[in-house]
Amino acid sequence: MESRRGLMIVILSRFLLVPCFYFTAKYGDQGWMIMLTSFLGLTNGYLTVCVLTSAPKGYKGPEQNALGNLLVMFLLGGIFAGVTLDWLWLIGKGW
């Protein structure tokens, strides 16, 4: 996916999965939850790669490098924050 507008629409449309997760958790079967989680994970990976490859294309030379470094830094920061908060969640539950 190349267009920034298309990427933004697809990324924001993933918020429509929130009611699907709620409905599946309340009324659905485990198979639907596995399918939704798999779909969310696959789209997350694909869209991350699309953003990381298409974002620097509008800039030249050093700006591309700086933007690429910033994108990777924030990606790693988000992964680290997610792992840390998940670990704290497990500690809080007494595991």
N, C-alpha and C. Protein backbone atom coordinates (compact mmCIF):
# COMPACT_ATOMS: atom_id res chain seq x y z
N MET A 1 0.85 -1.16 0.00
CA MET A 1 0.00 0.00 0.00
C MET A 1 0.90 1.23 0.00
N GLU A 2 0.68 2.12 -0.93
CA GLU A 2 1.59 3.25 -1.12
C GLU A 2 1.04 4.60 -0.66
N SER A 3 -0.25 4.83 -0.81
CA SER A 3 -0.77 6.17 -0.52
C SER A 3 -0.92 6.38 0.98
N ARG A 4 -0.56 7.57 1.42
CA ARG A 4 -0.67 7.89 2.84
C ARG A 4 -2.12 7.96 3.28
N ARG A 5 -2.97 8.46 2.40
CA ARG A 5 -4.39 8.55 2.73
C ARG A 5 -4.99 7.15 2.91
N GLY A 6 -4.64 6.25 2.01
CA GLY A 6 -5.13 4.87 2.12
C GLY A 6 -4.64 4.19 3.38
N LEU A 7 -3.36 4.41 3.72
CA LEU A 7 -2.82 3.85 4.95
C LEU A 7 -3.57 4.37 6.17
N MET A 8 -3.84 5.67 6.19
CA MET A 8 -4.53 6.26 7.34
C MET A 8 -5.94 5.70 7.47
N ILE A 9 -6.63 5.52 6.35
CA ILE A 9 -7.99 4.97 6.38
C ILE A 9 -7.97 3.54 6.91
N VAL A 10 -7.04 2.73 6.43
CA VAL A 10 -6.97 1.34 6.87
C VAL A 10 -6.59 1.26 8.35
N ILE A 11 -5.65 2.09 8.77
CA ILE A 11 -5.22 2.07 10.17
C ILE A 11 -6.36 2.48 11.09
N LEU A 12 -7.07 3.54 10.73
CA LEU A 12 -8.18 4.00 11.57
C LEU A 12 -9.37 3.04 11.52
N SER A 13 -9.53 2.34 10.41
CA SER A 13 -10.66 1.40 10.32
C SER A 13 -10.46 0.20 11.23
N ARG A 14 -9.23 -0.04 11.70
CA ARG A 14 -9.00 -1.13 12.63
C ARG A 14 -9.68 -0.88 13.98
N PHE A 15 -10.04 0.38 14.26
CA PHE A 15 -10.79 0.66 15.49
C PHE A 15 -12.17 0.02 15.45
N LEU A 16 -12.64 -0.31 14.26
CA LEU A 16 -13.93 -1.00 14.15
C LEU A 16 -13.86 -2.42 14.71
N LEU A 17 -12.66 -2.92 14.94
CA LEU A 17 -12.52 -4.25 15.52
C LEU A 17 -12.83 -4.26 17.02
N VAL A 18 -12.81 -3.09 17.67
CA VAL A 18 -13.08 -3.04 19.11
C VAL A 18 -14.47 -3.59 19.43
N PRO A 19 -15.54 -3.13 18.76
CA PRO A 19 -16.85 -3.73 19.05
C PRO A 19 -16.91 -5.22 18.71
N CYS A 20 -16.16 -5.62 17.68
CA CYS A 20 -16.13 -7.04 17.32
C CYS A 20 -15.53 -7.87 18.45
N PHE A 21 -14.44 -7.37 19.04
CA PHE A 21 -13.83 -8.07 20.17
C PHE A 21 -14.78 -8.12 21.36
N TYR A 22 -15.45 -7.01 21.63
CA TYR A 22 -16.39 -6.98 22.75
C TYR A 22 -17.53 -7.98 22.53
N PHE A 23 -18.10 -7.95 21.35
CA PHE A 23 -19.22 -8.85 21.05
C PHE A 23 -18.77 -10.31 21.12
N THR A 24 -17.58 -10.60 20.60
CA THR A 24 -17.07 -11.97 20.61
C THR A 24 -16.77 -12.43 22.03
N ALA A 25 -16.22 -11.53 22.86
CA ALA A 25 -15.93 -11.91 24.25
C ALA A 25 -17.20 -12.18 25.03
N LYS A 26 -18.25 -11.45 24.72
CA LYS A 26 -19.50 -11.59 25.47
C LYS A 26 -20.37 -12.73 24.96
N TYR A 27 -20.48 -12.85 23.63
CA TYR A 27 -21.44 -13.80 23.06
C TYR A 27 -20.82 -14.86 22.16
N GLY A 28 -19.59 -14.66 21.73
CA GLY A 28 -19.05 -15.49 20.67
C GLY A 28 -18.33 -16.73 21.16
N ASP A 29 -17.74 -17.39 20.20
CA ASP A 29 -17.01 -18.63 20.42
C ASP A 29 -15.51 -18.33 20.43
N GLN A 30 -14.72 -19.25 20.96
CA GLN A 30 -13.29 -19.05 21.03
C GLN A 30 -12.65 -18.99 19.64
N GLY A 31 -13.22 -19.69 18.69
CA GLY A 31 -12.69 -19.66 17.33
C GLY A 31 -12.74 -18.27 16.71
N TRP A 32 -13.83 -17.55 16.95
CA TRP A 32 -13.94 -16.18 16.44
C TRP A 32 -12.90 -15.27 17.09
N MET A 33 -12.65 -15.46 18.39
CA MET A 33 -11.65 -14.64 19.07
C MET A 33 -10.26 -14.92 18.51
N ILE A 34 -9.96 -16.17 18.24
CA ILE A 34 -8.67 -16.52 17.64
C ILE A 34 -8.54 -15.90 16.26
N MET A 35 -9.61 -15.94 15.48
CA MET A 35 -9.58 -15.35 14.14
C MET A 35 -9.37 -13.83 14.21
N LEU A 36 -10.09 -13.15 15.11
CA LEU A 36 -9.96 -11.70 15.24
C LEU A 36 -8.55 -11.32 15.71
N THR A 37 -8.02 -12.05 16.67
CA THR A 37 -6.68 -11.75 17.17
C THR A 37 -5.63 -11.99 16.09
N SER A 38 -5.79 -13.05 15.33
CA SER A 38 -4.86 -13.31 14.22
C SER A 38 -4.94 -12.23 13.16
N PHE A 39 -6.15 -11.81 12.83
CA PHE A 39 -6.33 -10.74 11.85
C PHE A 39 -5.70 -9.44 12.33
N LEU A 40 -5.89 -9.12 13.61
CA LEU A 40 -5.31 -7.90 14.17
C LEU A 40 -3.78 -7.97 14.13
N GLY A 41 -3.21 -9.12 14.46
CA GLY A 41 -1.76 -9.27 14.43
C GLY A 41 -1.19 -9.18 13.03
N LEU A 42 -1.84 -9.82 12.07
CA LEU A 42 -1.35 -9.78 10.69
C LEU A 42 -1.43 -8.37 10.11
N THR A 43 -2.55 -7.69 10.35
CA THR A 43 -2.67 -6.32 9.83
C THR A 43 -1.71 -5.39 10.54
N ASN A 44 -1.43 -5.64 11.81
CA ASN A 44 -0.49 -4.80 12.53
C ASN A 44 0.90 -4.90 11.91
N GLY A 45 1.35 -6.11 11.63
CA GLY A 45 2.66 -6.29 11.02
C GLY A 45 2.73 -5.71 9.63
N TYR A 46 1.71 -5.96 8.82
CA TYR A 46 1.70 -5.46 7.45
C TYR A 46 1.68 -3.93 7.42
N LEU A 47 0.82 -3.33 8.23
CA LEU A 47 0.70 -1.87 8.22
C LEU A 47 1.94 -1.20 8.81
N THR A 48 2.59 -1.84 9.77
CA THR A 48 3.83 -1.29 10.31
C THR A 48 4.90 -1.24 9.22
N VAL A 49 5.02 -2.30 8.46
CA VAL A 49 6.00 -2.32 7.37
C VAL A 49 5.64 -1.27 6.32
N CYS A 50 4.36 -1.14 5.99
CA CYS A 50 3.94 -0.14 5.01
C CYS A 50 4.29 1.27 5.47
N VAL A 51 4.02 1.58 6.73
CA VAL A 51 4.32 2.92 7.25
C VAL A 51 5.83 3.15 7.28
N LEU A 52 6.60 2.17 7.74
CA LEU A 52 8.04 2.35 7.82
C LEU A 52 8.70 2.50 6.46
N THR A 53 8.11 1.94 5.42
CA THR A 53 8.70 2.06 4.09
C THR A 53 8.18 3.26 3.31
N SER A 54 6.95 3.68 3.56
CA SER A 54 6.40 4.77 2.75
C SER A 54 6.57 6.15 3.37
N ALA A 55 6.74 6.23 4.67
CA ALA A 55 6.83 7.54 5.32
C ALA A 55 8.04 8.36 4.86
N PRO A 56 9.24 7.79 4.75
CA PRO A 56 10.39 8.61 4.37
C PRO A 56 10.44 9.00 2.89
N LYS A 57 9.54 8.50 2.05
CA LYS A 57 9.63 8.75 0.61
C LYS A 57 9.43 10.21 0.23
N GLY A 58 8.78 10.99 1.04
CA GLY A 58 8.53 12.38 0.70
C GLY A 58 9.69 13.30 1.04
N TYR A 59 10.76 12.77 1.58
CA TYR A 59 11.88 13.59 2.03
C TYR A 59 13.15 13.21 1.29
N LYS A 60 14.20 14.00 1.47
CA LYS A 60 15.46 13.76 0.78
C LYS A 60 16.59 13.52 1.78
N GLY A 61 17.54 12.70 1.38
CA GLY A 61 18.80 12.47 2.07
C GLY A 61 18.77 12.35 3.58
N PRO A 62 19.37 13.34 4.27
CA PRO A 62 19.49 13.25 5.72
C PRO A 62 18.13 13.23 6.44
N GLU A 63 17.14 13.90 5.84
CA GLU A 63 15.81 13.89 6.46
C GLU A 63 15.21 12.49 6.44
N GLN A 64 15.44 11.75 5.35
CA GLN A 64 14.96 10.36 5.29
C GLN A 64 15.60 9.52 6.39
N ASN A 65 16.91 9.68 6.56
CA ASN A 65 17.60 8.91 7.59
C ASN A 65 17.10 9.26 8.98
N ALA A 66 16.93 10.56 9.24
CA ALA A 66 16.45 10.99 10.55
C ALA A 66 15.03 10.48 10.81
N LEU A 67 14.17 10.56 9.80
CA LEU A 67 12.80 10.08 9.96
C LEU A 67 12.77 8.57 10.17
N GLY A 68 13.59 7.85 9.43
CA GLY A 68 13.67 6.40 9.62
C GLY A 68 14.13 6.05 11.03
N ASN A 69 15.14 6.78 11.52
CA ASN A 69 15.61 6.54 12.89
C ASN A 69 14.52 6.84 13.92
N LEU A 70 13.79 7.92 13.71
CA LEU A 70 12.69 8.26 14.64
C LEU A 70 11.60 7.20 14.62
N LEU A 71 11.24 6.74 13.43
CA LEU A 71 10.20 5.71 13.33
C LEU A 71 10.61 4.44 14.05
N VAL A 72 11.85 4.02 13.86
CA VAL A 72 12.33 2.80 14.52
C VAL A 72 12.41 3.01 16.03
N MET A 73 12.85 4.19 16.46
CA MET A 73 12.94 4.46 17.89
C MET A 73 11.56 4.39 18.56
N PHE A 74 10.55 5.01 17.92
CA PHE A 74 9.22 4.97 18.50
C PHE A 74 8.60 3.58 18.42
N LEU A 75 8.90 2.83 17.38
CA LEU A 75 8.41 1.46 17.29
C LEU A 75 8.99 0.61 18.42
N LEU A 76 10.30 0.71 18.63
CA LEU A 76 10.92 -0.06 19.71
C LEU A 76 10.46 0.42 21.08
N GLY A 77 10.25 1.74 21.23
CA GLY A 77 9.72 2.26 22.49
C GLY A 77 8.33 1.73 22.79
N GLY A 78 7.50 1.64 21.77
CA GLY A 78 6.16 1.09 21.96
C GLY A 78 6.18 -0.38 22.30
N ILE A 79 7.06 -1.13 21.64
CA ILE A 79 7.18 -2.56 21.96
C ILE A 79 7.67 -2.74 23.39
N PHE A 80 8.67 -1.95 23.78
CA PHE A 80 9.20 -2.04 25.14
C PHE A 80 8.14 -1.66 26.17
N ALA A 81 7.38 -0.61 25.91
CA ALA A 81 6.32 -0.21 26.84
C ALA A 81 5.26 -1.29 26.95
N GLY A 82 4.89 -1.90 25.84
CA GLY A 82 3.90 -2.98 25.87
C GLY A 82 4.38 -4.18 26.67
N VAL A 83 5.63 -4.57 26.47
CA VAL A 83 6.18 -5.70 27.21
C VAL A 83 6.25 -5.38 28.70
N THR A 84 6.69 -4.18 29.03
CA THR A 84 6.81 -3.79 30.44
C THR A 84 5.45 -3.75 31.12
N LEU A 85 4.47 -3.14 30.48
CA LEU A 85 3.14 -3.07 31.08
C LEU A 85 2.50 -4.45 31.20
N ASP A 86 2.75 -5.32 30.24
CA ASP A 86 2.22 -6.67 30.32
C ASP A 86 2.87 -7.42 31.48
N TRP A 87 4.16 -7.22 31.67
CA TRP A 87 4.86 -7.85 32.78
C TRP A 87 4.32 -7.34 34.11
N LEU A 88 4.10 -6.03 34.23
CA LEU A 88 3.53 -5.47 35.45
C LEU A 88 2.12 -5.98 35.69
N TRP A 89 1.37 -6.19 34.62
CA TRP A 89 0.01 -6.72 34.75
C TRP A 89 0.06 -8.12 35.37
N LEU A 90 1.00 -8.95 34.92
CA LEU A 90 1.11 -10.30 35.46
C LEU A 90 1.56 -10.29 36.91
N ILE A 91 2.48 -9.39 37.26
CA ILE A 91 2.93 -9.30 38.64
C ILE A 91 1.78 -8.86 39.54
N GLY A 92 0.98 -7.91 39.06
CA GLY A 92 -0.16 -7.42 39.84
C GLY A 92 -1.22 -8.49 40.08
N LYS A 93 -1.30 -9.47 39.19
CA LYS A 93 -2.27 -10.55 39.37
C LYS A 93 -1.75 -11.64 40.30
N GLY A 94 -0.51 -11.51 40.75
CA GLY A 94 0.04 -12.49 41.68
C GLY A 94 0.67 -13.70 41.03
N TRP A 95 1.10 -13.60 39.80
CA TRP A 95 1.75 -14.72 39.12
C TRP A 95 3.16 -14.75 39.59
